[in-house]
């Protein structure tokens, strides 16, 4: 499983807490991604790769008084990574900014995992489906030395590629009807 740049668009923004509608949307996304992490952790032969957004100054931004403030979205991503590590342990790999092909391959081997290239059936999603997810899927395929078709991209679990989810939000920010497979559980 490959999760690309979760909450990138929020981490690159301000350190102020978002509006309630934006918070609900973010919590909804985190719930969906948390469900996918939970499912992957339950499958003992599944590795989880999270490509954390890498933005200069993302960990610490400055308030209007030039006092360092922890970026709230980055702390949400950190909690999700901690949840993944708690759930799947050594099977979680965190990359910063992009999939670093050689380093990831070496780390997978160092931890004692072997990849069955013929049976590999992965999935990728995150922010932005039609850009970063596509590029990082290729990077992961290169690291694992498999054809990119072995890692399918899931637009329904991604930003800028999930019209089926967006249609489920009303203008007030409340959720209409969510398909059962996409209903989030809290992390």
N, C-alpha and C. Protein backbone atom coordinates (compact mmCIF):
# COMPACT_ATOMS: atom_id res chain seq x y z
N UNK A 1 0.84 -1.18 0.00
CA UNK A 1 0.00 0.00 0.00
C UNK A 1 0.89 1.24 0.00
N UNK A 2 0.55 2.21 -0.83
CA UNK A 2 1.31 3.45 -0.93
C UNK A 2 0.38 4.63 -0.68
N UNK A 3 0.65 5.41 0.35
CA UNK A 3 -0.09 6.64 0.65
C UNK A 3 0.84 7.82 0.35
N UNK A 4 0.42 8.67 -0.58
CA UNK A 4 1.28 9.75 -1.07
C UNK A 4 0.83 11.11 -0.55
N UNK A 5 1.75 11.82 0.08
CA UNK A 5 1.59 13.21 0.51
C UNK A 5 0.27 13.51 1.22
N UNK A 6 -0.05 12.75 2.29
CA UNK A 6 -1.31 13.04 2.98
C UNK A 6 -1.32 14.46 3.55
N UNK A 7 -2.39 15.18 3.29
CA UNK A 7 -2.63 16.55 3.76
C UNK A 7 -1.60 17.56 3.25
N UNK A 8 -0.98 17.28 2.13
CA UNK A 8 0.02 18.19 1.56
C UNK A 8 -0.53 19.60 1.43
N UNK A 9 -1.72 19.74 0.89
CA UNK A 9 -2.26 21.07 0.66
C UNK A 9 -2.53 21.82 1.96
N UNK A 10 -2.71 21.10 3.06
CA UNK A 10 -2.92 21.73 4.36
C UNK A 10 -1.59 22.07 5.04
N UNK A 11 -0.61 21.20 4.89
CA UNK A 11 0.68 21.43 5.53
C UNK A 11 1.37 22.63 4.91
N UNK A 12 1.16 22.82 3.61
CA UNK A 12 1.81 23.95 2.95
C UNK A 12 1.09 25.26 3.23
N UNK A 13 -0.03 25.19 3.93
CA UNK A 13 -0.79 26.40 4.26
C UNK A 13 -0.35 26.99 5.57
N UNK A 14 -1.27 27.66 6.24
CA UNK A 14 -0.92 28.35 7.48
C UNK A 14 -0.97 27.42 8.67
N UNK A 15 -0.51 27.93 9.81
CA UNK A 15 -0.50 27.13 11.04
C UNK A 15 -1.81 27.26 11.79
N UNK A 16 -2.68 28.16 11.34
CA UNK A 16 -3.95 28.36 12.04
C UNK A 16 -4.86 27.16 11.81
N UNK A 17 -5.71 26.90 12.82
CA UNK A 17 -6.67 25.80 12.66
C UNK A 17 -7.65 26.16 11.55
N UNK A 18 -8.06 25.17 10.79
CA UNK A 18 -8.97 25.43 9.68
C UNK A 18 -10.41 25.65 10.18
N UNK A 19 -11.24 26.04 9.27
CA UNK A 19 -12.66 26.23 9.59
C UNK A 19 -13.28 24.87 9.91
N UNK A 20 -14.43 24.86 10.57
CA UNK A 20 -15.08 23.57 10.90
C UNK A 20 -15.36 22.70 9.68
N UNK A 21 -15.78 23.28 8.56
CA UNK A 21 -16.06 22.47 7.37
C UNK A 21 -14.79 21.82 6.84
N UNK A 22 -13.69 22.55 6.86
CA UNK A 22 -12.41 21.99 6.39
C UNK A 22 -11.95 20.91 7.36
N UNK A 23 -12.11 21.13 8.66
CA UNK A 23 -11.73 20.10 9.65
C UNK A 23 -12.52 18.82 9.44
N UNK A 24 -13.83 18.94 9.17
CA UNK A 24 -14.65 17.73 8.93
C UNK A 24 -14.16 16.99 7.69
N UNK A 25 -13.84 17.74 6.65
CA UNK A 25 -13.35 17.11 5.42
C UNK A 25 -12.02 16.39 5.68
N UNK A 26 -11.14 17.05 6.42
CA UNK A 26 -9.84 16.44 6.73
C UNK A 26 -10.02 15.20 7.60
N UNK A 27 -10.86 15.29 8.60
CA UNK A 27 -11.10 14.12 9.46
C UNK A 27 -11.72 12.98 8.66
N UNK A 28 -12.55 13.32 7.69
CA UNK A 28 -13.13 12.30 6.82
C UNK A 28 -12.03 11.61 6.02
N UNK A 29 -11.13 12.40 5.41
CA UNK A 29 -10.02 11.82 4.64
C UNK A 29 -9.11 10.98 5.53
N UNK A 30 -8.78 11.50 6.72
CA UNK A 30 -7.92 10.73 7.63
C UNK A 30 -8.59 9.43 8.03
N UNK A 31 -9.91 9.46 8.19
CA UNK A 31 -10.64 8.23 8.52
C UNK A 31 -10.57 7.21 7.40
N UNK A 32 -10.74 7.68 6.16
CA UNK A 32 -10.65 6.78 5.00
C UNK A 32 -9.24 6.19 4.91
N UNK A 33 -8.23 7.07 5.00
CA UNK A 33 -6.86 6.58 4.91
C UNK A 33 -6.52 5.68 6.09
N UNK A 34 -7.04 6.00 7.27
CA UNK A 34 -6.84 5.15 8.45
C UNK A 34 -7.44 3.76 8.25
N UNK A 35 -8.61 3.69 7.60
CA UNK A 35 -9.21 2.39 7.30
C UNK A 35 -8.31 1.58 6.38
N UNK A 36 -7.74 2.23 5.39
CA UNK A 36 -6.85 1.52 4.47
C UNK A 36 -5.59 1.04 5.19
N UNK A 37 -5.06 1.84 6.10
CA UNK A 37 -3.90 1.42 6.90
C UNK A 37 -4.29 0.24 7.77
N UNK A 38 -5.45 0.30 8.38
CA UNK A 38 -5.93 -0.79 9.24
C UNK A 38 -6.06 -2.09 8.45
N UNK A 39 -6.64 -2.01 7.23
CA UNK A 39 -6.79 -3.20 6.38
C UNK A 39 -5.42 -3.76 5.99
N UNK A 40 -4.51 -2.86 5.59
CA UNK A 40 -3.17 -3.30 5.18
C UNK A 40 -2.43 -3.92 6.35
N UNK A 41 -2.58 -3.36 7.54
CA UNK A 41 -1.90 -3.90 8.73
C UNK A 41 -2.42 -5.29 9.06
N UNK A 42 -3.69 -5.55 8.78
CA UNK A 42 -4.27 -6.87 9.07
C UNK A 42 -3.75 -7.94 8.11
N UNK A 43 -3.29 -7.53 6.94
CA UNK A 43 -2.74 -8.48 5.97
C UNK A 43 -1.24 -8.60 6.21
N UNK A 44 -0.81 -9.70 6.75
CA UNK A 44 0.59 -9.86 7.19
C UNK A 44 1.61 -9.80 6.08
N UNK A 45 1.19 -9.96 4.83
CA UNK A 45 2.13 -9.90 3.71
C UNK A 45 2.13 -8.53 3.03
N UNK A 46 1.54 -7.54 3.66
CA UNK A 46 1.44 -6.21 3.06
C UNK A 46 2.40 -5.23 3.71
N UNK A 47 3.13 -4.51 2.87
CA UNK A 47 3.99 -3.43 3.34
C UNK A 47 3.24 -2.11 3.14
N UNK A 48 3.49 -1.16 4.02
CA UNK A 48 2.86 0.16 3.93
C UNK A 48 3.97 1.19 3.72
N UNK A 49 3.85 1.94 2.64
CA UNK A 49 4.80 3.01 2.36
C UNK A 49 4.02 4.32 2.41
N UNK A 50 4.45 5.22 3.29
CA UNK A 50 3.83 6.53 3.39
C UNK A 50 4.87 7.56 2.96
N UNK A 51 4.52 8.32 1.93
CA UNK A 51 5.40 9.38 1.46
C UNK A 51 4.89 10.67 2.10
N UNK A 52 5.62 11.10 3.12
CA UNK A 52 5.24 12.29 3.87
C UNK A 52 5.58 13.53 3.06
N UNK A 53 4.68 14.52 3.06
CA UNK A 53 5.00 15.75 2.33
C UNK A 53 6.26 16.39 2.88
N UNK A 54 7.11 16.85 1.99
CA UNK A 54 8.32 17.54 2.42
C UNK A 54 8.24 18.96 1.92
N UNK A 55 8.05 19.85 2.86
CA UNK A 55 7.92 21.26 2.52
C UNK A 55 8.87 22.02 3.43
N UNK A 56 9.68 22.88 2.87
CA UNK A 56 10.60 23.67 3.68
C UNK A 56 9.81 24.45 4.71
N UNK A 57 10.18 24.26 5.97
CA UNK A 57 9.50 24.98 7.04
C UNK A 57 8.16 24.38 7.43
N UNK A 58 7.82 23.19 6.93
CA UNK A 58 6.50 22.62 7.21
C UNK A 58 6.35 22.21 8.67
N UNK A 59 7.44 21.76 9.30
CA UNK A 59 7.33 21.32 10.68
C UNK A 59 7.13 22.49 11.63
N UNK A 60 7.71 23.61 11.32
CA UNK A 60 7.56 24.80 12.16
C UNK A 60 7.25 25.98 11.27
N UNK A 61 6.12 26.57 11.49
CA UNK A 61 5.78 27.80 10.79
C UNK A 61 5.74 28.90 11.84
N UNK A 62 5.63 30.14 11.41
CA UNK A 62 5.66 31.24 12.37
C UNK A 62 4.33 31.96 12.39
N UNK A 63 3.88 32.28 13.59
CA UNK A 63 2.65 33.06 13.74
C UNK A 63 2.93 34.49 13.32
N UNK A 64 1.88 35.31 13.33
CA UNK A 64 2.06 36.71 12.94
C UNK A 64 3.00 37.45 13.88
N UNK A 65 3.26 36.91 15.08
CA UNK A 65 4.20 37.53 16.03
C UNK A 65 5.59 36.91 15.91
N UNK A 66 5.81 36.13 14.85
CA UNK A 66 7.09 35.46 14.60
C UNK A 66 7.48 34.49 15.71
N UNK A 67 6.48 33.86 16.28
CA UNK A 67 6.71 32.83 17.29
C UNK A 67 6.51 31.49 16.59
N UNK A 68 7.47 30.54 16.72
CA UNK A 68 7.29 29.25 16.05
C UNK A 68 6.04 28.53 16.54
N UNK A 69 5.27 28.01 15.59
CA UNK A 69 4.04 27.28 15.89
C UNK A 69 4.07 25.97 15.13
N UNK A 70 3.73 24.88 15.79
CA UNK A 70 3.67 23.58 15.11
C UNK A 70 2.52 23.59 14.11
N UNK A 71 2.76 23.18 12.90
CA UNK A 71 1.72 23.13 11.89
C UNK A 71 0.72 22.04 12.28
N UNK A 72 -0.55 22.40 12.40
CA UNK A 72 -1.58 21.46 12.89
C UNK A 72 -1.75 20.28 11.95
N UNK A 73 -1.69 20.48 10.63
CA UNK A 73 -1.88 19.38 9.68
C UNK A 73 -0.72 18.40 9.74
N UNK A 74 0.49 18.92 9.93
CA UNK A 74 1.65 18.04 10.04
C UNK A 74 1.52 17.14 11.27
N UNK A 75 0.98 17.68 12.35
CA UNK A 75 0.80 16.85 13.55
C UNK A 75 -0.24 15.76 13.30
N UNK A 76 -1.26 16.03 12.48
CA UNK A 76 -2.26 15.00 12.12
C UNK A 76 -1.59 13.89 11.31
N UNK A 77 -0.71 14.28 10.39
CA UNK A 77 0.00 13.28 9.58
C UNK A 77 0.91 12.45 10.48
N UNK A 78 1.60 13.10 11.43
CA UNK A 78 2.45 12.36 12.36
C UNK A 78 1.65 11.33 13.16
N UNK A 79 0.46 11.72 13.61
CA UNK A 79 -0.39 10.78 14.36
C UNK A 79 -0.79 9.60 13.48
N UNK A 80 -1.07 9.87 12.20
CA UNK A 80 -1.44 8.78 11.30
C UNK A 80 -0.25 7.84 11.09
N UNK A 81 0.96 8.40 10.98
CA UNK A 81 2.15 7.57 10.82
C UNK A 81 2.38 6.73 12.07
N UNK A 82 2.21 7.33 13.24
CA UNK A 82 2.34 6.59 14.50
C UNK A 82 1.32 5.46 14.57
N UNK A 83 0.08 5.74 14.14
CA UNK A 83 -0.96 4.71 14.10
C UNK A 83 -0.53 3.56 13.17
N UNK A 84 0.01 3.90 12.00
CA UNK A 84 0.45 2.88 11.05
C UNK A 84 1.56 2.03 11.66
N UNK A 85 2.54 2.68 12.31
CA UNK A 85 3.65 1.94 12.92
C UNK A 85 3.17 1.07 14.07
N UNK A 86 2.23 1.57 14.85
CA UNK A 86 1.67 0.77 15.95
C UNK A 86 0.91 -0.43 15.40
N UNK A 87 0.22 -0.25 14.28
CA UNK A 87 -0.60 -1.31 13.69
C UNK A 87 0.21 -2.33 12.91
N UNK A 88 1.23 -1.86 12.17
CA UNK A 88 1.96 -2.77 11.28
C UNK A 88 3.45 -2.88 11.60
N UNK A 89 3.94 -2.14 12.55
CA UNK A 89 5.32 -2.27 12.99
C UNK A 89 6.35 -2.08 11.91
N UNK A 90 7.24 -3.06 11.77
CA UNK A 90 8.36 -3.02 10.83
C UNK A 90 7.92 -2.98 9.37
N UNK A 91 6.63 -3.22 9.12
CA UNK A 91 6.15 -3.23 7.73
C UNK A 91 5.81 -1.83 7.22
N UNK A 92 6.05 -0.81 8.05
CA UNK A 92 5.78 0.58 7.65
C UNK A 92 7.09 1.26 7.26
N UNK A 93 7.07 1.89 6.11
CA UNK A 93 8.22 2.63 5.60
C UNK A 93 7.77 4.06 5.34
N UNK A 94 8.49 5.01 5.90
CA UNK A 94 8.14 6.42 5.72
C UNK A 94 9.22 7.07 4.87
N UNK A 95 8.81 7.61 3.75
CA UNK A 95 9.69 8.33 2.86
C UNK A 95 9.36 9.82 2.98
N UNK A 96 10.33 10.67 2.82
CA UNK A 96 10.11 12.11 2.94
C UNK A 96 10.20 12.77 1.58
N UNK A 97 9.09 13.31 1.13
CA UNK A 97 9.04 14.03 -0.13
C UNK A 97 8.76 13.16 -1.34
N UNK A 98 9.50 12.07 -1.48
CA UNK A 98 9.36 11.19 -2.64
C UNK A 98 9.86 9.80 -2.28
N UNK A 99 9.48 8.82 -3.11
CA UNK A 99 10.01 7.47 -2.95
C UNK A 99 11.46 7.51 -3.42
N UNK A 100 12.38 7.22 -2.52
CA UNK A 100 13.80 7.17 -2.85
C UNK A 100 14.11 5.72 -3.19
N UNK A 101 14.10 5.44 -4.48
CA UNK A 101 14.11 4.08 -4.99
C UNK A 101 15.17 3.19 -4.36
N UNK A 102 16.42 3.57 -4.45
CA UNK A 102 17.50 2.72 -3.94
C UNK A 102 17.42 2.55 -2.43
N UNK A 103 17.20 3.65 -1.71
CA UNK A 103 17.14 3.58 -0.25
C UNK A 103 15.97 2.72 0.23
N UNK A 104 14.81 2.87 -0.39
CA UNK A 104 13.65 2.07 0.00
C UNK A 104 13.90 0.59 -0.26
N UNK A 105 14.44 0.27 -1.42
CA UNK A 105 14.75 -1.12 -1.76
C UNK A 105 15.72 -1.72 -0.73
N UNK A 106 16.77 -0.97 -0.39
CA UNK A 106 17.75 -1.45 0.60
C UNK A 106 17.11 -1.63 1.97
N UNK A 107 16.24 -0.72 2.36
CA UNK A 107 15.58 -0.81 3.67
C UNK A 107 14.63 -2.00 3.74
N UNK A 108 13.91 -2.27 2.65
CA UNK A 108 13.03 -3.45 2.60
C UNK A 108 13.85 -4.72 2.79
N UNK A 109 14.97 -4.81 2.10
CA UNK A 109 15.84 -5.99 2.22
C UNK A 109 16.48 -6.06 3.60
N UNK A 110 16.92 -4.92 4.14
CA UNK A 110 17.57 -4.89 5.46
C UNK A 110 16.62 -5.41 6.54
N UNK A 111 15.34 -5.11 6.40
CA UNK A 111 14.36 -5.57 7.39
C UNK A 111 13.93 -7.01 7.16
N UNK A 112 14.47 -7.64 6.12
CA UNK A 112 14.24 -9.06 5.90
C UNK A 112 13.01 -9.41 5.08
N UNK A 113 12.46 -8.46 4.37
CA UNK A 113 11.28 -8.73 3.54
C UNK A 113 11.70 -9.14 2.15
N UNK A 114 10.94 -10.06 1.58
CA UNK A 114 11.16 -10.46 0.20
C UNK A 114 9.90 -10.13 -0.59
N UNK A 115 10.09 -9.67 -1.80
CA UNK A 115 8.97 -9.27 -2.65
C UNK A 115 8.73 -10.36 -3.69
N UNK A 116 7.52 -10.90 -3.70
CA UNK A 116 7.11 -11.85 -4.73
C UNK A 116 6.56 -11.03 -5.89
N UNK A 117 7.41 -10.76 -6.86
CA UNK A 117 7.03 -9.84 -7.94
C UNK A 117 5.85 -10.35 -8.77
N UNK A 118 5.70 -11.65 -8.88
CA UNK A 118 4.59 -12.20 -9.67
C UNK A 118 3.26 -12.07 -8.94
N UNK A 119 3.29 -12.16 -7.62
CA UNK A 119 2.05 -12.10 -6.84
C UNK A 119 1.74 -10.70 -6.30
N UNK A 120 2.64 -9.75 -6.54
CA UNK A 120 2.46 -8.41 -5.99
C UNK A 120 1.19 -7.77 -6.53
N UNK A 121 0.38 -7.27 -5.60
CA UNK A 121 -0.86 -6.59 -5.96
C UNK A 121 -1.03 -5.43 -5.00
N UNK A 122 -0.49 -4.27 -5.38
CA UNK A 122 -0.53 -3.12 -4.48
C UNK A 122 -1.55 -2.09 -4.90
N UNK A 123 -1.69 -1.07 -4.05
CA UNK A 123 -2.56 0.05 -4.40
C UNK A 123 -1.94 1.33 -3.89
N UNK A 124 -2.27 2.43 -4.58
CA UNK A 124 -1.73 3.73 -4.21
C UNK A 124 -2.83 4.78 -4.26
N UNK A 125 -2.69 5.78 -3.37
CA UNK A 125 -3.66 6.87 -3.29
C UNK A 125 -3.05 7.98 -2.47
N UNK A 126 -3.70 9.12 -2.41
CA UNK A 126 -3.23 10.25 -1.61
C UNK A 126 -3.52 11.57 -2.28
N UNK A 127 -2.64 12.54 -2.09
CA UNK A 127 -2.76 13.87 -2.69
C UNK A 127 -1.67 14.00 -3.73
N UNK A 128 -1.78 14.41 -4.77
CA UNK A 128 -2.81 14.58 -5.76
C UNK A 128 -2.79 13.39 -6.68
N UNK A 129 -3.96 12.80 -6.89
CA UNK A 129 -4.07 11.55 -7.62
C UNK A 129 -3.49 11.64 -9.03
N UNK A 130 -3.79 12.70 -9.73
CA UNK A 130 -3.36 12.80 -11.12
C UNK A 130 -1.95 13.37 -11.28
N UNK A 131 -1.27 13.60 -10.17
CA UNK A 131 0.11 14.11 -10.23
C UNK A 131 1.03 13.25 -9.38
N UNK A 132 1.10 13.58 -8.09
CA UNK A 132 2.06 12.94 -7.20
C UNK A 132 1.82 11.44 -7.05
N UNK A 133 0.56 11.04 -6.94
CA UNK A 133 0.28 9.60 -6.77
C UNK A 133 0.80 8.84 -7.98
N UNK A 134 0.58 9.37 -9.16
CA UNK A 134 1.08 8.74 -10.39
C UNK A 134 2.60 8.64 -10.36
N UNK A 135 3.26 9.73 -10.02
CA UNK A 135 4.73 9.76 -10.03
C UNK A 135 5.31 8.83 -8.96
N UNK A 136 4.76 8.85 -7.75
CA UNK A 136 5.29 8.01 -6.67
C UNK A 136 4.96 6.53 -6.88
N UNK A 137 3.88 6.24 -7.58
CA UNK A 137 3.56 4.85 -7.94
C UNK A 137 4.65 4.31 -8.85
N UNK A 138 5.07 5.13 -9.81
CA UNK A 138 6.18 4.72 -10.68
C UNK A 138 7.45 4.51 -9.88
N UNK A 139 7.72 5.42 -8.92
CA UNK A 139 8.91 5.28 -8.08
C UNK A 139 8.89 4.00 -7.26
N UNK A 140 7.73 3.66 -6.69
CA UNK A 140 7.62 2.42 -5.91
C UNK A 140 7.78 1.20 -6.81
N UNK A 141 7.17 1.25 -7.99
CA UNK A 141 7.32 0.13 -8.93
C UNK A 141 8.79 -0.06 -9.30
N UNK A 142 9.51 1.03 -9.51
CA UNK A 142 10.94 0.93 -9.81
C UNK A 142 11.71 0.36 -8.64
N UNK A 143 11.38 0.78 -7.42
CA UNK A 143 12.07 0.27 -6.23
C UNK A 143 11.86 -1.23 -6.07
N UNK A 144 10.65 -1.69 -6.40
CA UNK A 144 10.32 -3.11 -6.24
C UNK A 144 10.64 -3.92 -7.49
N UNK A 145 11.06 -3.22 -8.54
CA UNK A 145 11.39 -3.85 -9.83
C UNK A 145 10.20 -4.63 -10.39
N UNK A 146 9.04 -3.95 -10.39
CA UNK A 146 7.83 -4.54 -10.97
C UNK A 146 7.24 -3.55 -11.97
N UNK A 147 6.37 -4.05 -12.82
CA UNK A 147 5.65 -3.20 -13.74
C UNK A 147 4.66 -2.35 -12.95
N UNK A 148 4.49 -1.11 -13.34
CA UNK A 148 3.58 -0.20 -12.63
C UNK A 148 2.16 -0.73 -12.55
N UNK A 149 1.78 -1.61 -13.46
CA UNK A 149 0.42 -2.16 -13.45
C UNK A 149 0.16 -3.04 -12.23
N UNK A 150 1.22 -3.46 -11.53
CA UNK A 150 1.05 -4.25 -10.31
C UNK A 150 0.60 -3.39 -9.13
N UNK A 151 0.66 -2.07 -9.28
CA UNK A 151 0.24 -1.16 -8.21
C UNK A 151 -0.86 -0.28 -8.79
N UNK A 152 -2.09 -0.58 -8.45
CA UNK A 152 -3.19 0.17 -9.04
C UNK A 152 -3.48 1.43 -8.23
N UNK A 153 -3.75 2.50 -8.94
CA UNK A 153 -4.07 3.77 -8.31
C UNK A 153 -5.57 3.82 -8.02
N UNK A 154 -5.92 4.28 -6.83
CA UNK A 154 -7.31 4.33 -6.41
C UNK A 154 -7.75 5.80 -6.31
N UNK A 155 -8.35 6.34 -7.36
CA UNK A 155 -8.73 7.75 -7.33
C UNK A 155 -9.79 8.06 -6.27
N UNK A 156 -10.63 7.09 -5.93
CA UNK A 156 -11.67 7.31 -4.92
C UNK A 156 -11.10 7.58 -3.54
N UNK A 157 -9.84 7.25 -3.31
CA UNK A 157 -9.20 7.47 -2.01
C UNK A 157 -8.22 8.64 -2.06
N UNK A 158 -8.31 9.44 -3.11
CA UNK A 158 -7.33 10.50 -3.33
C UNK A 158 -8.01 11.86 -3.48
N UNK A 159 -7.23 12.90 -3.22
CA UNK A 159 -7.68 14.25 -3.53
C UNK A 159 -7.40 14.53 -5.00
N UNK A 160 -8.16 15.40 -5.57
CA UNK A 160 -8.08 15.76 -6.97
C UNK A 160 -8.25 14.54 -7.85
N UNK A 161 -8.96 13.58 -7.35
CA UNK A 161 -9.23 12.40 -8.14
C UNK A 161 -10.34 11.61 -7.51
N UNK A 162 -11.13 12.24 -6.69
CA UNK A 162 -12.18 11.48 -6.04
C UNK A 162 -13.53 12.17 -6.15
N UNK A 163 -14.02 12.33 -7.38
CA UNK A 163 -15.32 12.99 -7.56
C UNK A 163 -16.45 12.22 -6.87
N UNK A 164 -16.32 10.90 -6.77
CA UNK A 164 -17.40 10.14 -6.13
C UNK A 164 -17.53 10.50 -4.65
N UNK A 165 -16.43 10.85 -3.99
CA UNK A 165 -16.50 11.26 -2.59
C UNK A 165 -17.00 12.70 -2.51
N UNK A 166 -16.49 13.57 -3.38
CA UNK A 166 -16.90 14.97 -3.33
C UNK A 166 -18.39 15.13 -3.54
N UNK A 167 -18.98 14.28 -4.37
CA UNK A 167 -20.42 14.37 -4.59
C UNK A 167 -21.20 14.06 -3.33
N UNK A 168 -20.56 13.39 -2.36
CA UNK A 168 -21.25 13.01 -1.14
C UNK A 168 -21.25 14.10 -0.08
N UNK A 169 -20.61 15.23 -0.35
CA UNK A 169 -20.61 16.34 0.60
C UNK A 169 -21.66 17.35 0.19
N UNK A 170 -22.47 17.75 1.14
CA UNK A 170 -23.43 18.81 0.83
C UNK A 170 -22.73 20.15 0.99
N UNK A 171 -23.40 21.23 0.62
CA UNK A 171 -22.79 22.55 0.73
C UNK A 171 -22.51 22.92 2.17
N UNK A 172 -23.24 22.35 3.12
CA UNK A 172 -23.01 22.68 4.53
C UNK A 172 -21.81 21.93 5.10
N UNK A 173 -21.24 21.03 4.31
CA UNK A 173 -20.08 20.28 4.77
C UNK A 173 -20.43 18.98 5.46
N UNK A 174 -21.71 18.66 5.51
CA UNK A 174 -22.09 17.38 6.11
C UNK A 174 -22.06 16.31 5.04
N UNK A 175 -21.88 15.10 5.47
CA UNK A 175 -21.77 13.99 4.55
C UNK A 175 -23.16 13.47 4.22
N UNK A 176 -23.41 13.28 2.94
CA UNK A 176 -24.67 12.67 2.51
C UNK A 176 -24.53 11.16 2.67
N UNK A 177 -24.58 10.42 1.60
CA UNK A 177 -24.46 8.97 1.66
C UNK A 177 -23.07 8.56 1.19
N UNK A 178 -22.36 7.82 2.05
CA UNK A 178 -21.01 7.36 1.74
C UNK A 178 -21.08 5.86 1.43
N UNK A 179 -20.45 5.42 0.36
CA UNK A 179 -20.42 3.98 0.09
C UNK A 179 -19.81 3.24 1.29
N UNK A 180 -20.38 2.10 1.63
CA UNK A 180 -19.96 1.35 2.81
C UNK A 180 -18.45 1.11 2.84
N UNK A 181 -17.85 0.78 1.71
CA UNK A 181 -16.41 0.47 1.70
C UNK A 181 -15.55 1.70 2.00
N UNK A 182 -16.13 2.90 1.87
CA UNK A 182 -15.36 4.12 2.12
C UNK A 182 -15.71 4.78 3.44
N UNK A 183 -16.61 4.20 4.22
CA UNK A 183 -16.98 4.82 5.49
C UNK A 183 -15.81 4.74 6.46
N UNK A 184 -15.40 5.89 6.97
CA UNK A 184 -14.22 5.89 7.84
C UNK A 184 -14.51 5.46 9.26
N UNK A 185 -13.50 4.88 9.88
CA UNK A 185 -13.50 4.63 11.31
C UNK A 185 -12.43 5.51 11.90
N UNK A 186 -12.60 5.96 13.10
CA UNK A 186 -11.61 6.85 13.72
C UNK A 186 -10.33 6.10 13.99
N UNK A 187 -9.23 6.80 13.83
CA UNK A 187 -7.90 6.24 14.14
C UNK A 187 -7.69 6.34 15.63
